[in-house]
Amino acid sequence: GRTFKAHSLIVNQNELFFFLNRVVKGF
């Protein structure tokens, strides 16, 4: 159905916090 087709996506929270907490093992 009705969908927003994004050409760009930016994570709003602190980028380093996002990656360390969610992507990098151990943080």
PDB file of all heavy atoms in Angstrom:
ATOM      1  N   GLY A   1       0.807  -1.216   0.000  1.00  0.00           N
ATOM      2  CA  GLY A   1       0.000   0.000   0.000  1.00  0.00           C
ATOM      3  C   GLY A   1       0.839   1.263   0.000  1.00  0.00           C
ATOM      4  O   GLY A   1       1.944   1.302  -0.544  1.00  0.00           O
ATOM      5  N   ARG A   2       0.320   2.335   0.650  1.00  0.00           N
ATOM      6  CA  ARG A   2       0.993   3.642   0.670  1.00  0.00           C
ATOM      7  C   ARG A   2       2.328   3.525   1.412  1.00  0.00           C
ATOM      8  O   ARG A   2       2.374   3.169   2.594  1.00  0.00           O
ATOM      9  CB  ARG A   2       0.097   4.679   1.335  1.00  0.00           C
ATOM     10  CG  ARG A   2       0.617   6.115   1.223  1.00  0.00           C
ATOM     11  CD  ARG A   2      -0.460   7.080   1.680  1.00  0.00           C
ATOM     12  NE  ARG A   2      -0.014   8.462   1.542  1.00  0.00           N
ATOM     13  CZ  ARG A   2       0.527   9.175   2.524  1.00  0.00           C
ATOM     14  NH1 ARG A   2       0.687   8.631   3.739  1.00  0.00           N
ATOM     15  NH2 ARG A   2       0.903  10.437   2.327  1.00  0.00           N
ATOM     16  N   THR A   3       3.432   3.775   0.684  1.00  0.00           N
ATOM     17  CA  THR A   3       4.785   3.587   1.227  1.00  0.00           C
ATOM     18  C   THR A   3       5.652   4.792   0.870  1.00  0.00           C
ATOM     19  O   THR A   3       5.564   5.315  -0.242  1.00  0.00           O
ATOM     20  CB  THR A   3       5.424   2.311   0.642  1.00  0.00           C
ATOM     21  OG1 THR A   3       4.583   1.197   0.922  1.00  0.00           O
ATOM     22  CG2 THR A   3       6.800   2.063   1.236  1.00  0.00           C
ATOM     23  N   PHE A   4       6.481   5.217   1.834  1.00  0.00           N
ATOM     24  CA  PHE A   4       7.416   6.307   1.578  1.00  0.00           C
ATOM     25  C   PHE A   4       8.703   5.712   1.017  1.00  0.00           C
ATOM     26  O   PHE A   4       9.418   4.980   1.706  1.00  0.00           O
ATOM     27  CB  PHE A   4       7.727   7.068   2.872  1.00  0.00           C
ATOM     28  CG  PHE A   4       8.493   8.338   2.651  1.00  0.00           C
ATOM     29  CD1 PHE A   4       7.839   9.512   2.289  1.00  0.00           C
ATOM     30  CD2 PHE A   4       9.881   8.368   2.782  1.00  0.00           C
ATOM     31  CE1 PHE A   4       8.546  10.689   2.091  1.00  0.00           C
ATOM     32  CE2 PHE A   4      10.591   9.531   2.579  1.00  0.00           C
ATOM     33  CZ  PHE A   4       9.923  10.697   2.224  1.00  0.00           C
ATOM     34  N   LYS A   5       8.986   5.996  -0.259  1.00  0.00           N
ATOM     35  CA  LYS A   5      10.183   5.485  -0.928  1.00  0.00           C
ATOM     36  C   LYS A   5      11.335   6.452  -0.675  1.00  0.00           C
ATOM     37  O   LYS A   5      11.352   7.562  -1.202  1.00  0.00           O
ATOM     38  CB  LYS A   5       9.934   5.332  -2.426  1.00  0.00           C
ATOM     39  CG  LYS A   5      11.112   4.710  -3.171  1.00  0.00           C
ATOM     40  CD  LYS A   5      10.797   4.535  -4.646  1.00  0.00           C
ATOM     41  CE  LYS A   5      11.964   3.899  -5.389  1.00  0.00           C
ATOM     42  NZ  LYS A   5      11.656   3.740  -6.841  1.00  0.00           N
ATOM     43  N   ALA A   6      12.296   6.019   0.154  1.00  0.00           N
ATOM     44  CA  ALA A   6      13.380   6.913   0.570  1.00  0.00           C
ATOM     45  C   ALA A   6      14.571   6.818  -0.373  1.00  0.00           C
ATOM     46  O   ALA A   6      14.987   5.727  -0.757  1.00  0.00           O
ATOM     47  CB  ALA A   6      13.825   6.558   1.992  1.00  0.00           C
ATOM     48  N   HIS A   7      15.099   7.985  -0.735  1.00  0.00           N
ATOM     49  CA  HIS A   7      16.329   8.032  -1.521  1.00  0.00           C
ATOM     50  C   HIS A   7      17.550   8.168  -0.609  1.00  0.00           C
ATOM     51  O   HIS A   7      18.664   7.886  -1.014  1.00  0.00           O
ATOM     52  CB  HIS A   7      16.275   9.202  -2.505  1.00  0.00           C
ATOM     53  CG  HIS A   7      15.167   9.076  -3.501  1.00  0.00           C
ATOM     54  ND1 HIS A   7      15.164   8.130  -4.490  1.00  0.00           N
ATOM     55  CD2 HIS A   7      14.004   9.774  -3.634  1.00  0.00           C
ATOM     56  CE1 HIS A   7      14.057   8.241  -5.214  1.00  0.00           C
ATOM     57  NE2 HIS A   7      13.334   9.226  -4.712  1.00  0.00           N
ATOM     58  N   SER A   8      17.327   8.615   0.623  1.00  0.00           N
ATOM     59  CA  SER A   8      18.421   8.711   1.609  1.00  0.00           C
ATOM     60  C   SER A   8      17.865   8.412   2.985  1.00  0.00           C
ATOM     61  O   SER A   8      16.680   8.647   3.265  1.00  0.00           O
ATOM     62  CB  SER A   8      19.062  10.098   1.583  1.00  0.00           C
ATOM     63  OG  SER A   8      18.167  11.068   2.084  1.00  0.00           O
ATOM     64  N   LEU A   9      18.715   7.879   3.863  1.00  0.00           N
ATOM     65  CA  LEU A   9      18.319   7.533   5.230  1.00  0.00           C
ATOM     66  C   LEU A   9      19.439   7.960   6.172  1.00  0.00           C
ATOM     67  O   LEU A   9      20.595   7.614   5.951  1.00  0.00           O
ATOM     68  CB  LEU A   9      18.064   6.029   5.341  1.00  0.00           C
ATOM     69  CG  LEU A   9      17.654   5.464   6.704  1.00  0.00           C
ATOM     70  CD1 LEU A   9      16.780   4.226   6.530  1.00  0.00           C
ATOM     71  CD2 LEU A   9      18.866   5.113   7.577  1.00  0.00           C
ATOM     72  N   ILE A  10      19.083   8.723   7.197  1.00  0.00           N
ATOM     73  CA  ILE A  10      20.062   9.162   8.197  1.00  0.00           C
ATOM     74  C   ILE A  10      19.567   8.743   9.572  1.00  0.00           C
ATOM     75  O   ILE A  10      18.394   8.967   9.917  1.00  0.00           O
ATOM     76  CB  ILE A  10      20.258  10.694   8.163  1.00  0.00           C
ATOM     77  CG1 ILE A  10      20.802  11.114   6.781  1.00  0.00           C
ATOM     78  CG2 ILE A  10      21.197  11.148   9.279  1.00  0.00           C
ATOM     79  CD1 ILE A  10      20.868  12.619   6.603  1.00  0.00           C
ATOM     80  N   VAL A  11      20.426   8.099  10.357  1.00  0.00           N
ATOM     81  CA  VAL A  11      20.091   7.749  11.737  1.00  0.00           C
ATOM     82  C   VAL A  11      20.237   8.997  12.589  1.00  0.00           C
ATOM     83  O   VAL A  11      21.293   9.642  12.596  1.00  0.00           O
ATOM     84  CB  VAL A  11      21.016   6.627  12.256  1.00  0.00           C
ATOM     85  CG1 VAL A  11      20.696   6.307  13.711  1.00  0.00           C
ATOM     86  CG2 VAL A  11      20.875   5.381  11.395  1.00  0.00           C
ATOM     87  N   ASN A  12      19.170   9.371  13.312  1.00  0.00           N
ATOM     88  CA  ASN A  12      19.146  10.667  14.003  1.00  0.00           C
ATOM     89  C   ASN A  12      19.983  10.690  15.274  1.00  0.00           C
ATOM     90  O   ASN A  12      20.558  11.725  15.617  1.00  0.00           O
ATOM     91  CB  ASN A  12      17.697  11.051  14.351  1.00  0.00           C
ATOM     92  CG  ASN A  12      16.878  11.316  13.107  1.00  0.00           C
ATOM     93  OD1 ASN A  12      17.431  11.563  12.039  1.00  0.00           O
ATOM     94  ND2 ASN A  12      15.563  11.242  13.237  1.00  0.00           N
ATOM     95  N   GLN A  13      20.025   9.572  16.012  1.00  0.00           N
ATOM     96  CA  GLN A  13      20.750   9.614  17.271  1.00  0.00           C
ATOM     97  C   GLN A  13      22.252   9.710  16.998  1.00  0.00           C
ATOM     98  O   GLN A  13      22.703   9.577  15.865  1.00  0.00           O
ATOM     99  CB  GLN A  13      20.434   8.362  18.099  1.00  0.00           C
ATOM    100  CG  GLN A  13      20.947   7.068  17.486  1.00  0.00           C
ATOM    101  CD  GLN A  13      20.341   5.842  18.143  1.00  0.00           C
ATOM    102  OE1 GLN A  13      19.367   5.317  17.676  1.00  0.00           O
ATOM    103  NE2 GLN A  13      20.924   5.408  19.242  1.00  0.00           N
ATOM    104  N   ASN A  14      23.008   9.940  18.060  1.00  0.00           N
ATOM    105  CA  ASN A  14      24.462  10.022  17.930  1.00  0.00           C
ATOM    106  C   ASN A  14      24.962   8.825  17.129  1.00  0.00           C
ATOM    107  O   ASN A  14      24.778   7.681  17.521  1.00  0.00           O
ATOM    108  CB  ASN A  14      25.104  10.026  19.323  1.00  0.00           C
ATOM    109  CG  ASN A  14      26.612  10.152  19.267  1.00  0.00           C
ATOM    110  OD1 ASN A  14      27.293   9.248  18.822  1.00  0.00           O
ATOM    111  ND2 ASN A  14      27.115  11.284  19.738  1.00  0.00           N
ATOM    112  N   GLU A  15      25.577   9.088  15.967  1.00  0.00           N
ATOM    113  CA  GLU A  15      25.944   8.026  15.047  1.00  0.00           C
ATOM    114  C   GLU A  15      26.914   7.037  15.684  1.00  0.00           C
ATOM    115  O   GLU A  15      26.771   5.826  15.550  1.00  0.00           O
ATOM    116  CB  GLU A  15      26.559   8.619  13.775  1.00  0.00           C
ATOM    117  CG  GLU A  15      26.804   7.589  12.703  1.00  0.00           C
ATOM    118  CD  GLU A  15      27.438   8.184  11.453  1.00  0.00           C
ATOM    119  OE1 GLU A  15      28.265   9.114  11.595  1.00  0.00           O
ATOM    120  OE2 GLU A  15      27.112   7.723  10.352  1.00  0.00           O
ATOM    121  N   LEU A  16      27.906   7.549  16.414  1.00  0.00           N
ATOM    122  CA  LEU A  16      28.884   6.677  17.039  1.00  0.00           C
ATOM    123  C   LEU A  16      28.217   5.801  18.093  1.00  0.00           C
ATOM    124  O   LEU A  16      28.497   4.602  18.189  1.00  0.00           O
ATOM    125  CB  LEU A  16      30.010   7.497  17.675  1.00  0.00           C
ATOM    126  CG  LEU A  16      31.136   6.685  18.325  1.00  0.00           C
ATOM    127  CD1 LEU A  16      31.825   5.798  17.293  1.00  0.00           C
ATOM    128  CD2 LEU A  16      32.153   7.609  19.005  1.00  0.00           C
ATOM    129  N   PHE A  17      27.294   6.398  18.864  1.00  0.00           N
ATOM    130  CA  PHE A  17      26.574   5.628  19.873  1.00  0.00           C
ATOM    131  C   PHE A  17      25.796   4.495  19.201  1.00  0.00           C
ATOM    132  O   PHE A  17      25.795   3.353  19.663  1.00  0.00           O
ATOM    133  CB  PHE A  17      25.612   6.529  20.657  1.00  0.00           C
ATOM    134  CG  PHE A  17      24.841   5.809  21.734  1.00  0.00           C
ATOM    135  CD1 PHE A  17      25.338   5.725  23.021  1.00  0.00           C
ATOM    136  CD2 PHE A  17      23.635   5.189  21.447  1.00  0.00           C
ATOM    137  CE1 PHE A  17      24.633   5.039  24.007  1.00  0.00           C
ATOM    138  CE2 PHE A  17      22.931   4.500  22.421  1.00  0.00           C
ATOM    139  CZ  PHE A  17      23.430   4.429  23.711  1.00  0.00           C
ATOM    140  N   PHE A  18      25.134   4.817  18.090  1.00  0.00           N
ATOM    141  CA  PHE A  18      24.317   3.828  17.376  1.00  0.00           C
ATOM    142  C   PHE A  18      25.167   2.640  16.933  1.00  0.00           C
ATOM    143  O   PHE A  18      24.808   1.485  17.167  1.00  0.00           O
ATOM    144  CB  PHE A  18      23.661   4.491  16.162  1.00  0.00           C
ATOM    145  CG  PHE A  18      22.917   3.529  15.275  1.00  0.00           C
ATOM    146  CD1 PHE A  18      21.639   3.114  15.594  1.00  0.00           C
ATOM    147  CD2 PHE A  18      23.514   3.033  14.124  1.00  0.00           C
ATOM    148  CE1 PHE A  18      20.952   2.221  14.783  1.00  0.00           C
ATOM    149  CE2 PHE A  18      22.837   2.142  13.303  1.00  0.00           C
ATOM    150  CZ  PHE A  18      21.554   1.732  13.637  1.00  0.00           C
ATOM    151  N   PHE A  19      26.302   2.912  16.312  1.00  0.00           N
ATOM    152  CA  PHE A  19      27.115   1.828  15.779  1.00  0.00           C
ATOM    153  C   PHE A  19      27.816   1.028  16.871  1.00  0.00           C
ATOM    154  O   PHE A  19      27.880  -0.195  16.811  1.00  0.00           O
ATOM    155  CB  PHE A  19      28.134   2.362  14.770  1.00  0.00           C
ATOM    156  CG  PHE A  19      27.532   2.686  13.444  1.00  0.00           C
ATOM    157  CD1 PHE A  19      27.467   3.991  12.989  1.00  0.00           C
ATOM    158  CD2 PHE A  19      27.002   1.694  12.648  1.00  0.00           C
ATOM    159  CE1 PHE A  19      26.894   4.294  11.768  1.00  0.00           C
ATOM    160  CE2 PHE A  19      26.428   1.978  11.418  1.00  0.00           C
ATOM    161  CZ  PHE A  19      26.378   3.292  10.975  1.00  0.00           C
ATOM    162  N   LEU A  20      28.339   1.732  17.896  1.00  0.00           N
ATOM    163  CA  LEU A  20      29.015   1.012  18.969  1.00  0.00           C
ATOM    164  C   LEU A  20      28.032   0.112  19.699  1.00  0.00           C
ATOM    165  O   LEU A  20      28.316  -1.055  19.989  1.00  0.00           O
ATOM    166  CB  LEU A  20      29.662   1.986  19.947  1.00  0.00           C
ATOM    167  CG  LEU A  20      30.913   2.730  19.470  1.00  0.00           C
ATOM    168  CD1 LEU A  20      31.442   3.623  20.568  1.00  0.00           C
ATOM    169  CD2 LEU A  20      31.993   1.766  19.007  1.00  0.00           C
ATOM    170  N   ASN A  21      26.848   0.646  19.992  1.00  0.00           N
ATOM    171  CA  ASN A  21      25.878  -0.091  20.786  1.00  0.00           C
ATOM    172  C   ASN A  21      25.219  -1.225  20.007  1.00  0.00           C
ATOM    173  O   ASN A  21      24.943  -2.283  20.550  1.00  0.00           O
ATOM    174  CB  ASN A  21      24.813   0.886  21.316  1.00  0.00           C
ATOM    175  CG  ASN A  21      23.737   0.167  22.127  1.00  0.00           C
ATOM    176  OD1 ASN A  21      22.554   0.380  21.911  1.00  0.00           O
ATOM    177  ND2 ASN A  21      24.138  -0.686  23.027  1.00  0.00           N
ATOM    178  N   ARG A  22      24.997  -1.025  18.715  1.00  0.00           N
ATOM    179  CA  ARG A  22      24.205  -1.993  17.956  1.00  0.00           C
ATOM    180  C   ARG A  22      25.017  -2.874  17.019  1.00  0.00           C
ATOM    181  O   ARG A  22      24.568  -3.957  16.648  1.00  0.00           O
ATOM    182  CB  ARG A  22      23.141  -1.266  17.132  1.00  0.00           C
ATOM    183  CG  ARG A  22      22.158  -0.498  17.987  1.00  0.00           C
ATOM    184  CD  ARG A  22      20.941  -0.154  17.184  1.00  0.00           C
ATOM    185  NE  ARG A  22      19.988   0.596  17.983  1.00  0.00           N
ATOM    186  CZ  ARG A  22      18.711   0.663  17.722  1.00  0.00           C
ATOM    187  NH1 ARG A  22      18.223   0.022  16.693  1.00  0.00           N
ATOM    188  NH2 ARG A  22      17.905   1.385  18.468  1.00  0.00           N
ATOM    189  N   VAL A  23      26.156  -2.403  16.590  1.00  0.00           N
ATOM    190  CA  VAL A  23      26.898  -3.117  15.549  1.00  0.00           C
ATOM    191  C   VAL A  23      28.187  -3.734  16.078  1.00  0.00           C
ATOM    192  O   VAL A  23      28.502  -4.885  15.773  1.00  0.00           O
ATOM    193  CB  VAL A  23      27.202  -2.182  14.359  1.00  0.00           C
ATOM    194  CG1 VAL A  23      27.948  -2.937  13.274  1.00  0.00           C
ATOM    195  CG2 VAL A  23      25.917  -1.582  13.806  1.00  0.00           C
ATOM    196  N   VAL A  24      28.965  -2.960  16.839  1.00  0.00           N
ATOM    197  CA  VAL A  24      30.277  -3.428  17.291  1.00  0.00           C
ATOM    198  C   VAL A  24      30.119  -4.326  18.514  1.00  0.00           C
ATOM    199  O   VAL A  24      29.495  -3.939  19.498  1.00  0.00           O
ATOM    200  CB  VAL A  24      31.202  -2.238  17.620  1.00  0.00           C
ATOM    201  CG1 VAL A  24      32.589  -2.745  17.988  1.00  0.00           C
ATOM    202  CG2 VAL A  24      31.275  -1.285  16.445  1.00  0.00           C
ATOM    203  N   LYS A  25      30.696  -5.524  18.444  1.00  0.00           N
ATOM    204  CA  LYS A  25      30.556  -6.475  19.543  1.00  0.00           C
ATOM    205  C   LYS A  25      31.296  -5.993  20.791  1.00  0.00           C
ATOM    206  O   LYS A  25      32.426  -5.530  20.709  1.00  0.00           O
ATOM    207  CB  LYS A  25      31.098  -7.844  19.106  1.00  0.00           C
ATOM    208  CG  LYS A  25      30.268  -8.509  18.027  1.00  0.00           C
ATOM    209  CD  LYS A  25      30.856  -9.855  17.637  1.00  0.00           C
ATOM    210  CE  LYS A  25      30.019 -10.517  16.550  1.00  0.00           C
ATOM    211  NZ  LYS A  25      30.570 -11.824  16.125  1.00  0.00           N
ATOM    212  N   GLY A  26      30.614  -6.111  21.936  1.00  0.00           N
ATOM    213  CA  GLY A  26      31.249  -5.799  23.214  1.00  0.00           C
ATOM    214  C   GLY A  26      30.838  -4.487  23.842  1.00  0.00           C
ATOM    215  O   GLY A  26      31.027  -4.277  25.043  1.00  0.00           O
ATOM    216  N   PHE A  27      30.279  -3.564  23.062  1.00  0.00           N
ATOM    217  CA  PHE A  27      29.917  -2.250  23.586  1.00  0.00           C
ATOM    218  C   PHE A  27      28.451  -2.257  24.036  1.00  0.00           C
ATOM    219  O   PHE A  27      27.536  -2.232  23.215  1.00  0.00           O
ATOM    220  CB  PHE A  27      30.125  -1.162  22.521  1.00  0.00           C
ATOM    221  CG  PHE A  27      31.560  -0.819  22.271  1.00  0.00           C
ATOM    222  CD1 PHE A  27      32.311  -1.541  21.372  1.00  0.00           C
ATOM    223  CD2 PHE A  27      32.171   0.226  22.966  1.00  0.00           C
ATOM    224  CE1 PHE A  27      33.643  -1.231  21.136  1.00  0.00           C
ATOM    225  CE2 PHE A  27      33.503   0.551  22.747  1.00  0.00           C
ATOM    226  CZ  PHE A  27      34.245  -0.176  21.830  1.00  0.00           C
TER     227      PHE A  27
END
